[in-house]
Amino acid sequence: MVDKSLINTIKKLLSSSLVADNQAVTEFQKVELKDGALTWKNIEIEWLDETGKRVVDYYDLDSIVMYELSEADPSRGLEIGFFHHP
């Protein structure tokens, strides 16, 4: 289950472009989980590869990126692993 605070963090990160209006919010909510990443197949990103060929892919957020952008919430009292660090 994805933590709602994580989704709110992602929305804040994308607020300047994808979550600017109600239509964008609707599109943003069309998220899927693919290979451990949150993926939006309705948001295409295109670029040129090293040979100059046009490449089209979907916007996604990898779990490592989400972890690196996350902040601990001490009020939740979560413990990870076998050791408790007060």
N, C-alpha and C. Protein backbone atom coordinates (compact mmCIF):
# COMPACT_ATOMS: atom_id res chain seq x y z
N MET A 1 0.84 -1.18 0.00
CA MET A 1 0.00 0.00 0.00
C MET A 1 0.89 1.25 0.00
N VAL A 2 0.58 2.19 -0.84
CA VAL A 2 1.36 3.42 -0.95
C VAL A 2 0.87 4.41 0.10
N ASP A 3 1.81 4.97 0.85
CA ASP A 3 1.51 5.94 1.90
C ASP A 3 0.96 7.22 1.26
N LYS A 4 -0.15 7.74 1.79
CA LYS A 4 -0.75 8.96 1.24
C LYS A 4 0.20 10.15 1.32
N SER A 5 1.05 10.19 2.35
CA SER A 5 1.99 11.31 2.45
C SER A 5 3.00 11.26 1.31
N LEU A 6 3.33 10.05 0.84
CA LEU A 6 4.24 9.92 -0.30
C LEU A 6 3.58 10.47 -1.55
N ILE A 7 2.32 10.15 -1.76
CA ILE A 7 1.60 10.68 -2.91
C ILE A 7 1.53 12.20 -2.84
N ASN A 8 1.29 12.74 -1.65
CA ASN A 8 1.25 14.20 -1.50
C ASN A 8 2.61 14.82 -1.81
N THR A 9 3.69 14.16 -1.40
CA THR A 9 5.04 14.65 -1.71
C THR A 9 5.25 14.66 -3.21
N ILE A 10 4.84 13.60 -3.88
CA ILE A 10 4.99 13.52 -5.33
C ILE A 10 4.18 14.62 -6.00
N LYS A 11 2.96 14.86 -5.53
CA LYS A 11 2.13 15.92 -6.11
C LYS A 11 2.80 17.28 -5.95
N LYS A 12 3.44 17.52 -4.80
CA LYS A 12 4.14 18.78 -4.58
C LYS A 12 5.30 18.92 -5.56
N LEU A 13 6.02 17.83 -5.78
CA LEU A 13 7.15 17.87 -6.71
C LEU A 13 6.71 18.20 -8.13
N LEU A 14 5.54 17.72 -8.49
CA LEU A 14 5.05 17.89 -9.85
C LEU A 14 4.11 19.08 -10.01
N SER A 15 3.89 19.83 -8.94
CA SER A 15 2.88 20.89 -8.96
C SER A 15 3.14 21.96 -10.00
N SER A 16 4.38 22.21 -10.34
CA SER A 16 4.67 23.27 -11.30
C SER A 16 4.25 22.91 -12.71
N SER A 17 4.10 21.60 -13.02
CA SER A 17 3.76 21.25 -14.39
C SER A 17 2.54 20.35 -14.50
N LEU A 18 2.50 19.23 -13.81
CA LEU A 18 1.46 18.24 -14.04
C LEU A 18 0.19 18.44 -13.22
N VAL A 19 0.30 19.08 -12.07
CA VAL A 19 -0.86 19.20 -11.19
C VAL A 19 -1.32 20.65 -11.14
N ALA A 20 -1.23 21.34 -12.26
CA ALA A 20 -1.55 22.76 -12.31
C ALA A 20 -3.05 23.03 -12.35
N ASP A 21 -3.84 22.09 -12.84
CA ASP A 21 -5.28 22.31 -12.92
C ASP A 21 -6.02 20.98 -12.69
N ASN A 22 -7.34 21.04 -12.66
CA ASN A 22 -8.14 19.83 -12.38
C ASN A 22 -7.93 18.73 -13.41
N GLN A 23 -7.80 19.09 -14.67
CA GLN A 23 -7.56 18.09 -15.71
C GLN A 23 -6.24 17.37 -15.45
N ALA A 24 -5.22 18.11 -15.05
CA ALA A 24 -3.92 17.51 -14.77
C ALA A 24 -4.01 16.58 -13.56
N VAL A 25 -4.79 16.95 -12.55
CA VAL A 25 -4.96 16.09 -11.38
C VAL A 25 -5.61 14.78 -11.80
N THR A 26 -6.62 14.85 -12.65
CA THR A 26 -7.27 13.65 -13.15
C THR A 26 -6.27 12.75 -13.88
N GLU A 27 -5.44 13.33 -14.71
CA GLU A 27 -4.43 12.56 -15.43
C GLU A 27 -3.39 11.99 -14.47
N PHE A 28 -3.01 12.76 -13.48
CA PHE A 28 -2.02 12.32 -12.49
C PHE A 28 -2.52 11.09 -11.73
N GLN A 29 -3.82 11.00 -11.50
CA GLN A 29 -4.38 9.90 -10.73
C GLN A 29 -4.44 8.59 -11.51
N LYS A 30 -4.07 8.60 -12.78
CA LYS A 30 -4.07 7.39 -13.60
C LYS A 30 -2.73 6.65 -13.47
N VAL A 31 -2.30 6.45 -12.26
CA VAL A 31 -1.00 5.85 -11.97
C VAL A 31 -1.12 4.32 -11.93
N GLU A 32 -0.06 3.65 -12.37
CA GLU A 32 0.03 2.19 -12.31
C GLU A 32 1.36 1.82 -11.67
N LEU A 33 1.42 0.63 -11.11
CA LEU A 33 2.67 0.11 -10.57
C LEU A 33 3.27 -0.84 -11.59
N LYS A 34 4.50 -0.53 -12.06
CA LYS A 34 5.16 -1.36 -13.06
C LYS A 34 6.62 -1.52 -12.66
N ASP A 35 7.03 -2.76 -12.44
CA ASP A 35 8.42 -3.08 -12.07
C ASP A 35 8.89 -2.27 -10.87
N GLY A 36 8.03 -2.10 -9.88
CA GLY A 36 8.41 -1.39 -8.65
C GLY A 36 8.42 0.12 -8.77
N ALA A 37 7.92 0.65 -9.87
CA ALA A 37 7.90 2.11 -10.07
C ALA A 37 6.46 2.56 -10.29
N LEU A 38 6.15 3.77 -9.83
CA LEU A 38 4.87 4.38 -10.15
C LEU A 38 4.98 4.90 -11.57
N THR A 39 4.06 4.48 -12.45
CA THR A 39 4.16 4.79 -13.87
C THR A 39 2.87 5.43 -14.37
N TRP A 40 3.03 6.48 -15.15
CA TRP A 40 1.90 7.15 -15.79
C TRP A 40 2.02 6.93 -17.29
N LYS A 41 1.26 5.95 -17.82
CA LYS A 41 1.31 5.66 -19.26
C LYS A 41 0.62 6.74 -20.08
N ASN A 42 -0.14 7.59 -19.42
CA ASN A 42 -0.82 8.68 -20.11
C ASN A 42 0.04 9.94 -20.21
N ILE A 43 1.24 9.91 -19.61
CA ILE A 43 2.15 11.06 -19.68
C ILE A 43 3.41 10.60 -20.41
N GLU A 44 3.51 10.98 -21.67
CA GLU A 44 4.66 10.56 -22.46
C GLU A 44 5.80 11.57 -22.36
N ILE A 45 7.00 11.05 -22.37
CA ILE A 45 8.21 11.87 -22.38
C ILE A 45 8.99 11.45 -23.62
N GLU A 46 9.41 12.42 -24.39
CA GLU A 46 10.21 12.07 -25.56
C GLU A 46 11.52 12.82 -25.56
N TRP A 47 12.54 12.18 -26.11
CA TRP A 47 13.87 12.77 -26.19
C TRP A 47 14.61 12.12 -27.34
N LEU A 48 15.79 12.62 -27.62
CA LEU A 48 16.65 12.04 -28.65
C LEU A 48 17.75 11.25 -27.97
N ASP A 49 17.96 10.00 -28.43
CA ASP A 49 19.03 9.20 -27.85
C ASP A 49 20.37 9.64 -28.43
N GLU A 50 21.44 8.93 -28.07
CA GLU A 50 22.79 9.33 -28.48
C GLU A 50 23.01 9.27 -29.99
N THR A 51 22.14 8.55 -30.71
CA THR A 51 22.26 8.49 -32.16
C THR A 51 21.35 9.49 -32.86
N GLY A 52 20.60 10.26 -32.07
CA GLY A 52 19.68 11.23 -32.63
C GLY A 52 18.30 10.68 -32.92
N LYS A 53 18.07 9.42 -32.57
CA LYS A 53 16.77 8.79 -32.78
C LYS A 53 15.78 9.24 -31.71
N ARG A 54 14.54 9.53 -32.14
CA ARG A 54 13.48 9.96 -31.22
C ARG A 54 13.04 8.77 -30.38
N VAL A 55 13.01 8.96 -29.06
CA VAL A 55 12.59 7.92 -28.12
C VAL A 55 11.40 8.44 -27.33
N VAL A 56 10.36 7.62 -27.20
CA VAL A 56 9.18 7.97 -26.42
C VAL A 56 9.05 6.96 -25.29
N ASP A 57 8.87 7.46 -24.08
CA ASP A 57 8.70 6.60 -22.92
C ASP A 57 7.62 7.21 -22.03
N TYR A 58 7.30 6.52 -20.94
CA TYR A 58 6.30 7.00 -19.99
C TYR A 58 6.97 7.65 -18.80
N TYR A 59 6.28 8.59 -18.18
CA TYR A 59 6.78 9.21 -16.96
C TYR A 59 6.66 8.20 -15.83
N ASP A 60 7.75 8.02 -15.06
CA ASP A 60 7.69 7.12 -13.92
C ASP A 60 8.57 7.61 -12.78
N LEU A 61 8.26 7.13 -11.58
CA LEU A 61 9.05 7.42 -10.39
C LEU A 61 9.47 6.10 -9.79
N ASP A 62 10.77 5.86 -9.78
CA ASP A 62 11.35 4.65 -9.25
C ASP A 62 11.26 4.64 -7.73
N SER A 63 11.19 3.46 -7.14
CA SER A 63 11.10 3.35 -5.68
C SER A 63 12.32 3.93 -4.98
N ILE A 64 13.50 3.85 -5.58
CA ILE A 64 14.71 4.42 -4.98
C ILE A 64 14.60 5.94 -4.93
N VAL A 65 14.10 6.54 -6.00
CA VAL A 65 13.91 7.99 -6.03
C VAL A 65 12.90 8.40 -4.97
N MET A 66 11.80 7.65 -4.86
CA MET A 66 10.80 7.98 -3.85
C MET A 66 11.38 7.86 -2.45
N TYR A 67 12.20 6.83 -2.22
CA TYR A 67 12.84 6.66 -0.91
C TYR A 67 13.76 7.83 -0.60
N GLU A 68 14.58 8.22 -1.59
CA GLU A 68 15.52 9.32 -1.39
C GLU A 68 14.80 10.65 -1.14
N LEU A 69 13.61 10.82 -1.67
CA LEU A 69 12.85 12.05 -1.48
C LEU A 69 11.97 12.02 -0.23
N SER A 70 11.89 10.86 0.41
CA SER A 70 11.01 10.73 1.57
C SER A 70 11.66 11.29 2.84
N GLU A 71 10.82 11.57 3.81
CA GLU A 71 11.26 12.06 5.11
C GLU A 71 10.64 11.19 6.18
N ALA A 72 11.40 10.93 7.23
CA ALA A 72 10.89 10.12 8.34
C ALA A 72 9.79 10.87 9.08
N ASP A 73 8.80 10.14 9.53
CA ASP A 73 7.72 10.70 10.32
C ASP A 73 7.80 10.10 11.72
N PRO A 74 8.47 10.80 12.66
CA PRO A 74 8.69 10.24 13.99
C PRO A 74 7.39 9.93 14.74
N SER A 75 6.29 10.58 14.38
CA SER A 75 5.03 10.34 15.08
C SER A 75 4.48 8.94 14.80
N ARG A 76 4.94 8.31 13.73
CA ARG A 76 4.44 6.98 13.38
C ARG A 76 5.16 5.88 14.15
N GLY A 77 6.35 6.17 14.70
CA GLY A 77 7.08 5.20 15.50
C GLY A 77 7.43 3.93 14.76
N LEU A 78 7.79 4.04 13.49
CA LEU A 78 8.12 2.87 12.70
C LEU A 78 9.51 2.36 13.03
N GLU A 79 9.67 1.05 13.00
CA GLU A 79 10.97 0.43 13.21
C GLU A 79 11.30 -0.38 11.97
N ILE A 80 12.55 -0.31 11.54
CA ILE A 80 12.99 -1.05 10.37
C ILE A 80 14.03 -2.06 10.81
N GLY A 81 13.89 -3.29 10.39
CA GLY A 81 14.86 -4.33 10.73
C GLY A 81 14.68 -4.83 12.15
N PHE A 82 15.76 -5.37 12.70
CA PHE A 82 15.72 -5.99 14.02
C PHE A 82 16.10 -5.05 15.14
N PHE A 83 16.67 -3.92 14.82
CA PHE A 83 17.19 -3.03 15.86
C PHE A 83 16.31 -1.80 16.02
N HIS A 84 16.12 -1.42 17.25
CA HIS A 84 15.35 -0.22 17.54
C HIS A 84 16.31 0.88 17.95
N HIS A 85 16.23 2.01 17.28
CA HIS A 85 17.08 3.16 17.61
C HIS A 85 16.19 4.25 18.19
N PRO A 86 16.32 4.50 19.50
CA PRO A 86 15.45 5.51 20.14
C PRO A 86 15.70 6.91 19.64
